Amino acid sequence: MALLHWKLQRLSAIILVPAIIYIVIYFLNITQFSYSEIISDITSLWGMLFIVFVSLILFTHSSLGIETIMEDYIHDDVMQRFFITLSKVIHVILLIITLVSLMMIKGR
């Protein structure tokens, strides 16, 4: 299990590097676009797929990282399991909020 956790953490980090570079470049150039162009870009098939894919990878990477930190620094097993579970629930809620927000933007 630990090996799978390690591999997923590394793979998600590798995938996130070009995605974050693209997002930073996009945000640096965002002033060149009108509001309607940005909405159109976000709600396009590729825009939505990109946001969903990056969100899944980002929240997975974050959850795995926080789990590792909690396993290293919380030594009480009950508290460790509680906080890891709480972290996973919060990550799922954040992913749902992201997806619902995307659907709300699409449905405008």
PDB file of N, CA and C in Angstrom:
ATOM      1  N   MET A   1       0.822  -1.195   0.000  1.00  0.00           N
ATOM      2  CA  MET A   1       0.000   0.000   0.000  1.00  0.00           C
ATOM      3  C   MET A   1       0.864   1.256   0.000  1.00  0.00           C
ATOM      4  N   ALA A   2       1.943   1.230   0.786  1.00  0.00           N
ATOM      5  CA  ALA A   2       2.817   2.399   0.866  1.00  0.00           C
ATOM      6  C   ALA A   2       3.474   2.685  -0.484  1.00  0.00           C
ATOM      7  N   LEU A   3       3.817   1.641  -1.217  1.00  0.00           N
ATOM      8  CA  LEU A   3       4.436   1.832  -2.530  1.00  0.00           C
ATOM      9  C   LEU A   3       3.449   2.471  -3.502  1.00  0.00           C
ATOM     10  N   LEU A   4       2.193   2.032  -3.478  1.00  0.00           N
ATOM     11  CA  LEU A   4       1.169   2.632  -4.331  1.00  0.00           C
ATOM     12  C   LEU A   4       0.964   4.097  -3.972  1.00  0.00           C
ATOM     13  N   HIS A   5       0.910   4.384  -2.680  1.00  0.00           N
ATOM     14  CA  HIS A   5       0.762   5.756  -2.191  1.00  0.00           C
ATOM     15  C   HIS A   5       1.915   6.619  -2.718  1.00  0.00           C
ATOM     16  N   TRP A   6       3.128   6.113  -2.606  1.00  0.00           N
ATOM     17  CA  TRP A   6       4.317   6.831  -3.061  1.00  0.00           C
ATOM     18  C   TRP A   6       4.265   7.080  -4.571  1.00  0.00           C
ATOM     19  N   LYS A   7       3.905   6.031  -5.329  1.00  0.00           N
ATOM     20  CA  LYS A   7       3.840   6.158  -6.788  1.00  0.00           C
ATOM     21  C   LYS A   7       2.762   7.160  -7.213  1.00  0.00           C
ATOM     22  N   LEU A   8       1.591   7.100  -6.579  1.00  0.00           N
ATOM     23  CA  LEU A   8       0.512   8.042  -6.907  1.00  0.00           C
ATOM     24  C   LEU A   8       0.919   9.474  -6.589  1.00  0.00           C
ATOM     25  N   GLN A   9       1.606   9.655  -5.470  1.00  0.00           N
ATOM     26  CA  GLN A   9       2.064  10.996  -5.082  1.00  0.00           C
ATOM     27  C   GLN A   9       3.026  11.543  -6.131  1.00  0.00           C
ATOM     28  N   ARG A  10       3.966  10.732  -6.570  1.00  0.00           N
ATOM     29  CA  ARG A  10       4.953  11.175  -7.564  1.00  0.00           C
ATOM     30  C   ARG A  10       4.314  11.389  -8.926  1.00  0.00           C
ATOM     31  N   LEU A  11       3.452  10.472  -9.330  1.00  0.00           N
ATOM     32  CA  LEU A  11       2.793  10.608 -10.634  1.00  0.00           C
ATOM     33  C   LEU A  11       1.918  11.857 -10.676  1.00  0.00           C
ATOM     34  N   SER A  12       1.166  12.103  -9.626  1.00  0.00           N
ATOM     35  CA  SER A  12       0.307  13.286  -9.600  1.00  0.00           C
ATOM     36  C   SER A  12       1.153  14.563  -9.619  1.00  0.00           C
ATOM     37  N   ALA A  13       2.303  14.555  -8.958  1.00  0.00           N
ATOM     38  CA  ALA A  13       3.186  15.724  -8.982  1.00  0.00           C
ATOM     39  C   ALA A  13       3.708  15.980 -10.390  1.00  0.00           C
ATOM     40  N   ILE A  14       4.100  14.920 -11.070  1.00  0.00           N
ATOM     41  CA  ILE A  14       4.608  15.050 -12.443  1.00  0.00           C
ATOM     42  C   ILE A  14       3.525  15.589 -13.374  1.00  0.00           C
ATOM     43  N   ILE A  15       2.305  15.121 -13.213  1.00  0.00           N
ATOM     44  CA  ILE A  15       1.198  15.588 -14.047  1.00  0.00           C
ATOM     45  C   ILE A  15       0.868  17.044 -13.743  1.00  0.00           C
ATOM     46  N   LEU A  16       0.972  17.432 -12.484  1.00  0.00           N
ATOM     47  CA  LEU A  16       0.607  18.791 -12.093  1.00  0.00           C
ATOM     48  C   LEU A  16       1.593  19.848 -12.589  1.00  0.00           C
ATOM     49  N   VAL A  17       2.841  19.500 -12.802  1.00  0.00           N
ATOM     50  CA  VAL A  17       3.834  20.500 -13.213  1.00  0.00           C
ATOM     51  C   VAL A  17       3.434  21.208 -14.512  1.00  0.00           C
ATOM     52  N   PRO A  18       3.191  20.496 -15.609  1.00  0.00           N
ATOM     53  CA  PRO A  18       2.801  21.222 -16.826  1.00  0.00           C
ATOM     54  C   PRO A  18       1.425  21.882 -16.701  1.00  0.00           C
ATOM     55  N   ALA A  19       0.534  21.276 -15.932  1.00  0.00           N
ATOM     56  CA  ALA A  19      -0.796  21.866 -15.756  1.00  0.00           C
ATOM     57  C   ALA A  19      -0.699  23.203 -15.027  1.00  0.00           C
ATOM     58  N   ILE A  20       0.111  23.263 -13.992  1.00  0.00           N
ATOM     59  CA  ILE A  20       0.279  24.508 -13.235  1.00  0.00           C
ATOM     60  C   ILE A  20       0.984  25.560 -14.086  1.00  0.00           C
ATOM     61  N   ILE A  21       1.969  25.161 -14.869  1.00  0.00           N
ATOM     62  CA  ILE A  21       2.642  26.100 -15.776  1.00  0.00           C
ATOM     63  C   ILE A  21       1.629  26.690 -16.748  1.00  0.00           C
ATOM     64  N   TYR A  22       0.777  25.844 -17.319  1.00  0.00           N
ATOM     65  CA  TYR A  22      -0.259  26.330 -18.244  1.00  0.00           C
ATOM     66  C   TYR A  22      -1.204  27.305 -17.541  1.00  0.00           C
ATOM     67  N   ILE A  23      -1.631  26.975 -16.334  1.00  0.00           N
ATOM     68  CA  ILE A  23      -2.559  27.830 -15.583  1.00  0.00           C
ATOM     69  C   ILE A  23      -1.915  29.177 -15.267  1.00  0.00           C
ATOM     70  N   VAL A  24      -0.661  29.175 -14.858  1.00  0.00           N
ATOM     71  CA  VAL A  24       0.034  30.431 -14.552  1.00  0.00           C
ATOM     72  C   VAL A  24       0.134  31.299 -15.799  1.00  0.00           C
ATOM     73  N   ILE A  25       0.517  30.715 -16.923  1.00  0.00           N
ATOM     74  CA  ILE A  25       0.599  31.476 -18.174  1.00  0.00           C
ATOM     75  C   ILE A  25      -0.780  32.012 -18.565  1.00  0.00           C
ATOM     76  N   TYR A  26      -1.803  31.184 -18.403  1.00  0.00           N
ATOM     77  CA  TYR A  26      -3.169  31.609 -18.718  1.00  0.00           C
ATOM     78  C   TYR A  26      -3.572  32.808 -17.864  1.00  0.00           C
ATOM     79  N   PHE A  27      -3.297  32.726 -16.549  1.00  0.00           N
ATOM     80  CA  PHE A  27      -3.656  33.826 -15.651  1.00  0.00           C
ATOM     81  C   PHE A  27      -2.834  35.084 -15.923  1.00  0.00           C
ATOM     82  N   LEU A  28      -1.587  34.939 -16.329  1.00  0.00           N
ATOM     83  CA  LEU A  28      -0.771  36.102 -16.659  1.00  0.00           C
ATOM     84  C   LEU A  28      -1.304  36.834 -17.891  1.00  0.00           C
ATOM     85  N   ASN A  29      -1.978  36.109 -18.778  1.00  0.00           N
ATOM     86  CA  ASN A  29      -2.512  36.697 -20.009  1.00  0.00           C
ATOM     87  C   ASN A  29      -4.018  36.931 -19.957  1.00  0.00           C
ATOM     88  N   ILE A  30      -4.625  36.736 -18.812  1.00  0.00           N
ATOM     89  CA  ILE A  30      -6.082  36.777 -18.719  1.00  0.00           C
ATOM     90  C   ILE A  30      -6.648  38.174 -19.009  1.00  0.00           C
ATOM     91  N   THR A  31      -5.856  39.210 -18.789  1.00  0.00           N
ATOM     92  CA  THR A  31      -6.353  40.573 -19.043  1.00  0.00           C
ATOM     93  C   THR A  31      -6.566  40.846 -20.530  1.00  0.00           C
ATOM     94  N   GLN A  32      -6.015  40.011 -21.382  1.00  0.00           N
ATOM     95  CA  GLN A  32      -6.177  40.179 -22.818  1.00  0.00           C
ATOM     96  C   GLN A  32      -7.518  39.649 -23.323  1.00  0.00           C
ATOM     97  N   PHE A  33      -8.241  38.938 -22.463  1.00  0.00           N
ATOM     98  CA  PHE A  33      -9.499  38.320 -22.874  1.00  0.00           C
ATOM     99  C   PHE A  33     -10.681  39.058 -22.267  1.00  0.00           C
ATOM    100  N   SER A  34     -11.786  39.048 -22.986  1.00  0.00           N
ATOM    101  CA  SER A  34     -13.015  39.620 -22.435  1.00  0.00           C
ATOM    102  C   SER A  34     -13.673  38.590 -21.513  1.00  0.00           C
ATOM    103  N   TYR A  35     -14.637  39.062 -20.741  1.00  0.00           N
ATOM    104  CA  TYR A  35     -15.362  38.177 -19.837  1.00  0.00           C
ATOM    105  C   TYR A  35     -16.014  37.034 -20.611  1.00  0.00           C
ATOM    106  N   SER A  36     -16.643  37.349 -21.716  1.00  0.00           N
ATOM    107  CA  SER A  36     -17.338  36.314 -22.492  1.00  0.00           C
ATOM    108  C   SER A  36     -16.353  35.311 -23.098  1.00  0.00           C
ATOM    109  N   GLU A  37     -15.159  35.767 -23.461  1.00  0.00           N
ATOM    110  CA  GLU A  37     -14.154  34.842 -23.993  1.00  0.00           C
ATOM    111  C   GLU A  37     -13.661  33.886 -22.895  1.00  0.00           C
ATOM    112  N   ILE A  38     -13.507  34.398 -21.693  1.00  0.00           N
ATOM    113  CA  ILE A  38     -13.061  33.558 -20.572  1.00  0.00           C
ATOM    114  C   ILE A  38     -14.130  32.515 -20.251  1.00  0.00           C
ATOM    115  N   ILE A  39     -15.394  32.952 -20.174  1.00  0.00           N
ATOM    116  CA  ILE A  39     -16.489  32.010 -19.908  1.00  0.00           C
ATOM    117  C   ILE A  39     -16.572  30.968 -21.011  1.00  0.00           C
ATOM    118  N   SER A  40     -16.435  31.408 -22.247  1.00  0.00           N
ATOM    119  CA  SER A  40     -16.471  30.480 -23.379  1.00  0.00           C
ATOM    120  C   SER A  40     -15.321  29.479 -23.294  1.00  0.00           C
ATOM    121  N   ASP A  41     -14.160  29.965 -22.914  1.00  0.00           N
ATOM    122  CA  ASP A  41     -12.996  29.090 -22.787  1.00  0.00           C
ATOM    123  C   ASP A  41     -13.200  28.062 -21.679  1.00  0.00           C
ATOM    124  N   ILE A  42     -13.689  28.516 -20.533  1.00  0.00           N
ATOM    125  CA  ILE A  42     -13.909  27.612 -19.392  1.00  0.00           C
ATOM    126  C   ILE A  42     -14.968  26.568 -19.716  1.00  0.00           C
ATOM    127  N   THR A  43     -16.026  26.973 -20.391  1.00  0.00           N
ATOM    128  CA  THR A  43     -17.153  26.071 -20.636  1.00  0.00           C
ATOM    129  C   THR A  43     -17.013  25.259 -21.927  1.00  0.00           C
ATOM    130  N   SER A  44     -15.910  25.441 -22.650  1.00  0.00           N
ATOM    131  CA  SER A  44     -15.681  24.600 -23.826  1.00  0.00           C
ATOM    132  C   SER A  44     -15.418  23.169 -23.345  1.00  0.00           C
ATOM    133  N   LEU A  45     -15.569  22.227 -24.225  1.00  0.00           N
ATOM    134  CA  LEU A  45     -15.336  20.825 -23.861  1.00  0.00           C
ATOM    135  C   LEU A  45     -13.934  20.642 -23.289  1.00  0.00           C
ATOM    136  N   TRP A  46     -12.922  21.179 -23.982  1.00  0.00           N
ATOM    137  CA  TRP A  46     -11.541  21.005 -23.529  1.00  0.00           C
ATOM    138  C   TRP A  46     -11.290  21.762 -22.227  1.00  0.00           C
ATOM    139  N   GLY A  47     -11.891  22.938 -22.081  1.00  0.00           N
ATOM    140  CA  GLY A  47     -11.737  23.693 -20.842  1.00  0.00           C
ATOM    141  C   GLY A  47     -12.313  22.951 -19.653  1.00  0.00           C
ATOM    142  N   MET A  48     -13.504  22.401 -19.838  1.00  0.00           N
ATOM    143  CA  MET A  48     -14.141  21.662 -18.743  1.00  0.00           C
ATOM    144  C   MET A  48     -13.376  20.379 -18.421  1.00  0.00           C
ATOM    145  N   LEU A  49     -12.958  19.660 -19.457  1.00  0.00           N
ATOM    146  CA  LEU A  49     -12.176  18.436 -19.221  1.00  0.00           C
ATOM    147  C   LEU A  49     -10.869  18.757 -18.496  1.00  0.00           C
ATOM    148  N   PHE A  50     -10.217  19.849 -18.888  1.00  0.00           N
ATOM    149  CA  PHE A  50      -8.968  20.248 -18.236  1.00  0.00           C
ATOM    150  C   PHE A  50      -9.207  20.565 -16.763  1.00  0.00           C
ATOM    151  N   ILE A  51     -10.238  21.352 -16.475  1.00  0.00           N
ATOM    152  CA  ILE A  51     -10.526  21.731 -15.094  1.00  0.00           C
ATOM    153  C   ILE A  51     -10.874  20.508 -14.252  1.00  0.00           C
ATOM    154  N   VAL A  52     -11.699  19.614 -14.784  1.00  0.00           N
ATOM    155  CA  VAL A  52     -12.078  18.406 -14.038  1.00  0.00           C
ATOM    156  C   VAL A  52     -10.849  17.528 -13.807  1.00  0.00           C
ATOM    157  N   PHE A  53     -10.053  17.314 -14.840  1.00  0.00           N
ATOM    158  CA  PHE A  53      -8.866  16.460 -14.729  1.00  0.00           C
ATOM    159  C   PHE A  53      -7.864  17.041 -13.730  1.00  0.00           C
ATOM    160  N   VAL A  54      -7.555  18.323 -13.869  1.00  0.00           N
ATOM    161  CA  VAL A  54      -6.587  18.953 -12.966  1.00  0.00           C
ATOM    162  C   VAL A  54      -7.122  18.975 -11.530  1.00  0.00           C
ATOM    163  N   SER A  55      -8.415  19.209 -11.369  1.00  0.00           N
ATOM    164  CA  SER A  55      -8.998  19.210 -10.022  1.00  0.00           C
ATOM    165  C   SER A  55      -8.869  17.837  -9.376  1.00  0.00           C
ATOM    166  N   LEU A  56      -9.180  16.790 -10.119  1.00  0.00           N
ATOM    167  CA  LEU A  56      -9.045  15.430  -9.586  1.00  0.00           C
ATOM    168  C   LEU A  56      -7.603  15.138  -9.182  1.00  0.00           C
ATOM    169  N   ILE A  57      -6.668  15.476 -10.046  1.00  0.00           N
ATOM    170  CA  ILE A  57      -5.258  15.222  -9.763  1.00  0.00           C
ATOM    171  C   ILE A  57      -4.790  16.075  -8.591  1.00  0.00           C
ATOM    172  N   LEU A  58      -5.174  17.353  -8.578  1.00  0.00           N
ATOM    173  CA  LEU A  58      -4.744  18.271  -7.522  1.00  0.00           C
ATOM    174  C   LEU A  58      -5.266  17.843  -6.150  1.00  0.00           C
ATOM    175  N   PHE A  59      -6.557  17.513  -6.071  1.00  0.00           N
ATOM    176  CA  PHE A  59      -7.112  17.110  -4.783  1.00  0.00           C
ATOM    177  C   PHE A  59      -6.568  15.754  -4.337  1.00  0.00           C
ATOM    178  N   THR A  60      -6.289  14.864  -5.280  1.00  0.00           N
ATOM    179  CA  THR A  60      -5.669  13.578  -4.935  1.00  0.00           C
ATOM    180  C   THR A  60      -4.263  13.805  -4.389  1.00  0.00           C
ATOM    181  N   HIS A  61      -3.492  14.619  -5.093  1.00  0.00           N
ATOM    182  CA  HIS A  61      -2.125  14.913  -4.665  1.00  0.00           C
ATOM    183  C   HIS A  61      -2.112  15.562  -3.282  1.00  0.00           C
ATOM    184  N   SER A  62      -2.981  16.516  -3.090  1.00  0.00           N
ATOM    185  CA  SER A  62      -3.067  17.205  -1.795  1.00  0.00           C
ATOM    186  C   SER A  62      -3.458  16.239  -0.677  1.00  0.00           C
ATOM    187  N   SER A  63      -4.456  15.419  -0.932  1.00  0.00           N
ATOM    188  CA  SER A  63      -4.921  14.463   0.073  1.00  0.00           C
ATOM    189  C   SER A  63      -3.816  13.477   0.455  1.00  0.00           C
ATOM    190  N   LEU A  64      -3.099  12.975  -0.538  1.00  0.00           N
ATOM    191  CA  LEU A  64      -2.003  12.031  -0.261  1.00  0.00           C
ATOM    192  C   LEU A  64      -0.894  12.705   0.546  1.00  0.00           C
ATOM    193  N   GLY A  65      -0.580  13.943   0.194  1.00  0.00           N
ATOM    194  CA  GLY A  65       0.468  14.660   0.904  1.00  0.00           C
ATOM    195  C   GLY A  65       0.101  14.941   2.350  1.00  0.00           C
ATOM    196  N   ILE A  66      -1.117  15.403   2.565  1.00  0.00           N
ATOM    197  CA  ILE A  66      -1.568  15.680   3.929  1.00  0.00           C
ATOM    198  C   ILE A  66      -1.630  14.394   4.747  1.00  0.00           C
ATOM    199  N   GLU A  67      -2.050  13.301   4.103  1.00  0.00           N
ATOM    200  CA  GLU A  67      -2.077  12.019   4.802  1.00  0.00           C
ATOM    201  C   GLU A  67      -0.674  11.617   5.256  1.00  0.00           C
ATOM    202  N   THR A  68       0.310  11.806   4.400  1.00  0.00           N
ATOM    203  CA  THR A  68       1.685  11.473   4.753  1.00  0.00           C
ATOM    204  C   THR A  68       2.171  12.313   5.932  1.00  0.00           C
ATOM    205  N   ILE A  69       1.869  13.605   5.899  1.00  0.00           N
ATOM    206  CA  ILE A  69       2.273  14.494   7.001  1.00  0.00           C
ATOM    207  C   ILE A  69       1.616  14.048   8.310  1.00  0.00           C
ATOM    208  N   MET A  70       0.333  13.732   8.248  1.00  0.00           N
ATOM    209  CA  MET A  70      -0.372  13.306   9.468  1.00  0.00           C
ATOM    210  C   MET A  70       0.171  11.984   9.992  1.00  0.00           C
ATOM    211  N   GLU A  71       0.510  11.070   9.097  1.00  0.00           N
ATOM    212  CA  GLU A  71       1.078   9.797   9.536  1.00  0.00           C
ATOM    213  C   GLU A  71       2.437  10.011  10.199  1.00  0.00           C
ATOM    214  N   ASP A  72       3.182  11.003   9.735  1.00  0.00           N
ATOM    215  CA  ASP A  72       4.509  11.267  10.292  1.00  0.00           C
ATOM    216  C   ASP A  72       4.453  12.003  11.631  1.00  0.00           C
ATOM    217  N   TYR A  73       3.469  12.882  11.816  1.00  0.00           N
ATOM    218  CA  TYR A  73       3.507  13.776  12.968  1.00  0.00           C
ATOM    219  C   TYR A  73       2.418  13.547  14.015  1.00  0.00           C
ATOM    220  N   ILE A  74       1.394  12.774  13.702  1.00  0.00           N
ATOM    221  CA  ILE A  74       0.373  12.451  14.704  1.00  0.00           C
ATOM    222  C   ILE A  74       0.599  11.006  15.110  1.00  0.00           C
ATOM    223  N   HIS A  75       0.992  10.797  16.351  1.00  0.00           N
ATOM    224  CA  HIS A  75       1.392   9.462  16.790  1.00  0.00           C
ATOM    225  C   HIS A  75       0.272   8.662  17.442  1.00  0.00           C
ATOM    226  N   ASP A  76      -0.777   9.320  17.863  1.00  0.00           N
ATOM    227  CA  ASP A  76      -1.936   8.621  18.420  1.00  0.00           C
ATOM    228  C   ASP A  76      -2.752   8.065  17.253  1.00  0.00           C
ATOM    229  N   ASP A  77      -2.927   6.737  17.207  1.00  0.00           N
ATOM    230  CA  ASP A  77      -3.594   6.090  16.070  1.00  0.00           C
ATOM    231  C   ASP A  77      -5.025   6.570  15.866  1.00  0.00           C
ATOM    232  N   VAL A  78      -5.767   6.762  16.939  1.00  0.00           N
ATOM    233  CA  VAL A  78      -7.159   7.193  16.831  1.00  0.00           C
ATOM    234  C   VAL A  78      -7.224   8.608  16.253  1.00  0.00           C
ATOM    235  N   MET A  79      -6.398   9.498  16.781  1.00  0.00           N
ATOM    236  CA  MET A  79      -6.383  10.880  16.284  1.00  0.00           C
ATOM    237  C   MET A  79      -5.893  10.919  14.838  1.00  0.00           C
ATOM    238  N   GLN A  80      -4.905  10.101  14.534  1.00  0.00           N
ATOM    239  CA  GLN A  80      -4.372  10.046  13.179  1.00  0.00           C
ATOM    240  C   GLN A  80      -5.457   9.639  12.181  1.00  0.00           C
ATOM    241  N   ARG A  81      -6.160   8.574  12.471  1.00  0.00           N
ATOM    242  CA  ARG A  81      -7.239   8.108  11.590  1.00  0.00           C
ATOM    243  C   ARG A  81      -8.341   9.169  11.470  1.00  0.00           C
ATOM    244  N   PHE A  82      -8.673   9.819  12.600  1.00  0.00           N
ATOM    245  CA  PHE A  82      -9.712  10.845  12.591  1.00  0.00           C
ATOM    246  C   PHE A  82      -9.335  11.990  11.648  1.00  0.00           C
ATOM    247  N   PHE A  83      -8.114  12.505  11.802  1.00  0.00           N
ATOM    248  CA  PHE A  83      -7.708  13.653  10.990  1.00  0.00           C
ATOM    249  C   PHE A  83      -7.489  13.282   9.528  1.00  0.00           C
ATOM    250  N   ILE A  84      -7.018  12.074   9.262  1.00  0.00           N
ATOM    251  CA  ILE A  84      -6.874  11.632   7.872  1.00  0.00           C
ATOM    252  C   ILE A  84      -8.250  11.508   7.221  1.00  0.00           C
ATOM    253  N   THR A  85      -9.203  10.926   7.951  1.00  0.00           N
ATOM    254  CA  THR A  85     -10.568  10.811   7.432  1.00  0.00           C
ATOM    255  C   THR A  85     -11.183  12.195   7.218  1.00  0.00           C
ATOM    256  N   LEU A  86     -11.000  13.084   8.191  1.00  0.00           N
ATOM    257  CA  LEU A  86     -11.512  14.449   8.055  1.00  0.00           C
ATOM    258  C   LEU A  86     -10.908  15.134   6.832  1.00  0.00           C
ATOM    259  N   SER A  87      -9.621  14.957   6.630  1.00  0.00           N
ATOM    260  CA  SER A  87      -8.948  15.537   5.468  1.00  0.00           C
ATOM    261  C   SER A  87      -9.536  15.001   4.162  1.00  0.00           C
ATOM    262  N   LYS A  88      -9.751  13.701   4.105  1.00  0.00           N
ATOM    263  CA  LYS A  88     -10.322  13.106   2.889  1.00  0.00           C
ATOM    264  C   LYS A  88     -11.733  13.624   2.632  1.00  0.00           C
ATOM    265  N   VAL A  89     -12.529  13.761   3.685  1.00  0.00           N
ATOM    266  CA  VAL A  89     -13.893  14.293   3.538  1.00  0.00           C
ATOM    267  C   VAL A  89     -13.840  15.732   3.023  1.00  0.00           C
ATOM    268  N   ILE A  90     -12.951  16.536   3.585  1.00  0.00           N
ATOM    269  CA  ILE A  90     -12.818  17.929   3.140  1.00  0.00           C
ATOM    270  C   ILE A  90     -12.375  17.986   1.679  1.00  0.00           C
ATOM    271  N   HIS A  91     -11.454  17.126   1.280  1.00  0.00           N
ATOM    272  CA  HIS A  91     -11.019  17.108  -0.113  1.00  0.00           C
ATOM    273  C   HIS A  91     -12.170  16.718  -1.054  1.00  0.00           C
ATOM    274  N   VAL A  92     -12.974  15.758  -0.653  1.00  0.00           N
ATOM    275  CA  VAL A  92     -14.128  15.369  -1.482  1.00  0.00           C
ATOM    276  C   VAL A  92     -15.126  16.522  -1.577  1.00  0.00           C
ATOM    277  N   ILE A  93     -15.370  17.200  -0.463  1.00  0.00           N
ATOM    278  CA  ILE A  93     -16.285  18.349  -0.467  1.00  0.00           C
ATOM    279  C   ILE A  93     -15.754  19.440  -1.395  1.00  0.00           C
ATOM    280  N   LEU A  94     -14.468  19.727  -1.321  1.00  0.00           N
ATOM    281  CA  LEU A  94     -13.878  20.743  -2.186  1.00  0.00           C
ATOM    282  C   LEU A  94     -13.975  20.351  -3.664  1.00  0.00           C
ATOM    283  N   LEU A  95     -13.779  19.069  -3.959  1.00  0.00           N
ATOM    284  CA  LEU A  95     -13.929  18.609  -5.343  1.00  0.00           C
ATOM    285  C   LEU A  95     -15.371  18.773  -5.801  1.00  0.00           C
ATOM    286  N   ILE A  96     -16.313  18.423  -4.968  1.00  0.00           N
ATOM    287  CA  ILE A  96     -17.735  18.577  -5.321  1.00  0.00           C
ATOM    288  C   ILE A  96     -18.060  20.055  -5.549  1.00  0.00           C
ATOM    289  N   ILE A  97     -17.567  20.932  -4.679  1.00  0.00           N
ATOM    290  CA  ILE A  97     -17.794  22.375  -4.859  1.00  0.00           C
ATOM    291  C   ILE A  97     -17.214  22.837  -6.192  1.00  0.00           C
ATOM    292  N   THR A  98     -16.024  22.352  -6.529  1.00  0.00           N
ATOM    293  CA  THR A  98     -15.398  22.705  -7.805  1.00  0.00           C
ATOM    294  C   THR A  98     -16.263  22.264  -8.978  1.00  0.00           C
ATOM    295  N   LEU A  99     -16.741  21.025  -8.940  1.00  0.00           N
ATOM    296  CA  LEU A  99     -17.548  20.495 -10.040  1.00  0.00           C
ATOM    297  C   LEU A  99     -18.900  21.192 -10.140  1.00  0.00           C
ATOM    298  N   VAL A 100     -19.528  21.461  -8.999  1.00  0.00           N
ATOM    299  CA  VAL A 100     -20.810  22.174  -9.002  1.00  0.00           C
ATOM    300  C   VAL A 100     -20.616  23.584  -9.536  1.00  0.00           C
ATOM    301  N   SER A 101     -19.538  24.246  -9.122  1.00  0.00           N
ATOM    302  CA  SER A 101     -19.258  25.592  -9.631  1.00  0.00           C
ATOM    303  C   SER A 101     -19.060  25.580 -11.134  1.00  0.00           C
ATOM    304  N   LEU A 102     -18.369  24.584 -11.624  1.00  0.00           N
ATOM    305  CA  LEU A 102     -18.159  24.454 -13.065  1.00  0.00           C
ATOM    306  C   LEU A 102     -19.485  24.254 -13.790  1.00  0.00           C
ATOM    307  N   MET A 103     -20.363  23.425 -13.218  1.00  0.00           N
ATOM    308  CA  MET A 103     -21.683  23.210 -13.828  1.00  0.00           C
ATOM    309  C   MET A 103     -22.510  24.495 -13.792  1.00  0.00           C
ATOM    310  N   MET A 104     -22.382  25.269 -12.711  1.00  0.00           N
ATOM    311  CA  MET A 104     -23.115  26.539 -12.628  1.00  0.00           C
ATOM    312  C   MET A 104     -22.616  27.539 -13.672  1.00  0.00           C
ATOM    313  N   ILE A 105     -21.314  27.572 -13.889  1.00  0.00           N
ATOM    314  CA  ILE A 105     -20.763  28.449 -14.931  1.00  0.00           C
ATOM    315  C   ILE A 105     -21.245  27.990 -16.296  1.00  0.00           C
ATOM    316  N   LYS A 106     -21.247  26.695 -16.518  1.00  0.00           N
ATOM    317  CA  LYS A 106     -21.688  26.127 -17.807  1.00  0.00           C
ATOM    318  C   LYS A 106     -23.171  26.412 -18.058  1.00  0.00           C
ATOM    319  N   GLY A 107     -23.966  26.367 -16.984  1.00  0.00           N
ATOM    320  CA  GLY A 107     -25.406  26.533 -17.127  1.00  0.00           C
ATOM    321  C   GLY A 107     -25.893  27.956 -17.244  1.00  0.00           C
ATOM    322  N   ARG A 108     -25.013  28.929 -17.140  1.00  0.00           N
ATOM    323  CA  ARG A 108     -25.418  30.333 -17.187  1.00  0.00           C
ATOM    324  C   ARG A 108     -26.261  30.647 -18.377  1.00  0.00           C
TER     325      ARG A 108
END
